[in-house]
Protein backbone atom coordinates (compact mmCIF):
# COMPACT_ATOMS: atom_id res chain seq x y z
CA LYS A 1 23.87 158.01 27.07
CA THR A 2 27.43 157.45 28.92
CA ASP A 3 25.76 156.52 32.37
CA PHE A 4 23.62 153.55 30.13
CA ILE A 5 26.54 152.50 28.24
CA ASN A 6 28.66 152.77 31.54
CA PHE A 7 25.40 150.65 33.17
CA ILE A 8 25.91 147.38 30.91
CA SER A 9 29.94 147.25 30.99
CA ASP A 10 30.12 147.59 34.77
CA GLN A 11 27.12 144.91 35.13
CA GLU A 12 25.38 146.91 37.64
CA TRP A 13 22.25 145.97 35.99
CA LYS A 14 22.40 142.64 38.28
CA SER A 15 22.65 143.85 41.37
CA ILE A 16 18.86 144.99 40.28
CA GLU A 17 15.86 142.92 41.07
CA PRO A 18 13.79 141.97 39.21
CA VAL A 19 10.45 143.41 38.69
CA SER A 20 7.71 141.92 40.85
CA SER A 21 4.79 139.91 38.17
CA TRP A 22 1.82 141.77 40.20
CA PHE A 23 4.01 144.70 37.03
CA GLY A 24 5.13 142.72 34.58
CA PRO A 25 3.31 143.52 31.14
CA SER A 26 1.69 140.44 30.98
CA SER A 27 -0.14 140.07 34.64
CA PHE A 28 -3.42 140.81 34.97
CA LEU A 29 -3.42 143.56 36.73
CA MET A 30 -1.08 145.19 33.34
CA SER A 31 -3.92 143.51 31.21
CA SER A 32 -6.54 145.35 32.62
CA MET A 33 -4.72 149.08 32.93
CA SER A 34 -4.39 147.72 29.45
CA ALA A 35 -7.50 147.75 28.86
CA LEU A 36 -8.97 150.41 30.62
CA PHE A 37 -6.33 153.13 28.61
CA GLN A 38 -8.03 151.66 25.54
CA LEU A 39 -11.37 152.22 26.29
CA SER A 40 -10.79 155.38 27.20
CA MET A 41 -9.01 155.96 23.69
CA TRP A 42 -12.52 154.57 21.83
CA ILE A 43 -14.94 157.10 24.45
CA ARG A 44 -12.53 159.76 23.20
CA HIS A 45 -12.87 158.31 19.49
CA CYS A 46 -16.94 158.16 19.65
CA HIS A 47 -17.21 161.30 21.42
CA GLY A 48 -14.82 162.94 18.12
CA TYR A 49 -17.74 161.16 16.00
CA LEU A 50 -20.26 162.37 18.14
CA THR A 51 -19.40 166.06 17.61
CA GLU A 52 -17.62 166.56 14.23
CA ASN A 53 -18.92 163.80 11.90
CA VAL A 54 -23.00 163.64 13.70
CA GLY A 55 -23.22 167.72 15.05
CA ILE A 56 -24.20 166.53 18.73
CA PRO A 57 -23.05 169.21 20.93
CA VAL A 58 -20.48 168.63 22.97
CA TRP A 59 -22.57 168.68 26.03
CA GLY A 60 -24.70 165.89 23.93
CA SER A 61 -22.51 163.55 23.74
CA TYR A 62 -21.30 163.85 27.75
CA ALA A 63 -25.50 163.11 27.53
CA VAL A 64 -25.27 160.27 25.79
CA PHE A 65 -22.12 158.45 27.38
CA ALA A 66 -23.68 160.13 30.64
CA LEU A 67 -26.86 157.53 29.81
CA ALA A 68 -24.87 154.39 28.47
CA THR A 69 -22.79 154.45 31.83
CA LEU A 70 -26.94 154.75 34.13
CA PHE A 71 -28.31 151.87 31.39
CA SER A 72 -24.67 149.77 31.85
CA GLY A 73 -24.89 150.21 35.34
CA LEU A 74 -28.26 148.41 35.69
CA ILE A 75 -27.55 145.58 33.26
CA LEU A 76 -24.85 144.73 35.19
CA GLY A 77 -26.74 144.99 38.11
CA LEU A 78 -29.00 143.32 37.33
CA VAL A 79 -26.84 140.56 35.75
CA SER A 80 -25.17 140.43 39.01
CA GLU A 81 -28.26 139.95 40.68
CA ALA A 82 -30.25 137.49 38.70
CA LEU A 83 -26.53 134.90 39.35
CA MET A 84 -26.78 135.79 42.84
CA LEU A 85 -30.22 134.86 43.37
CA SER A 86 -29.71 131.42 40.54
CA LEU A 87 -27.02 130.86 43.63
CA PRO A 88 -28.01 127.47 45.88
CA GLN A 89 -28.02 128.94 49.60
């Protein structure tokens, strides 16, 4: 506590360089990181719902997420391929 008070009162904070814009809270990088953390919490919530409320065993929940990952990759691959084919050559 005293170190923090001395840091403010002695104005030591003026000698510290500001954080790069890449690591600022509103940057694209940090917004993406936040979205990944929110996605992981949503997946955890869904896993809890599937195992506790629906009654699916844990391995079944993992299988659901594995299949969802495969299908979303398939869809994204098809969409990206369709976009690439629609571009003029």
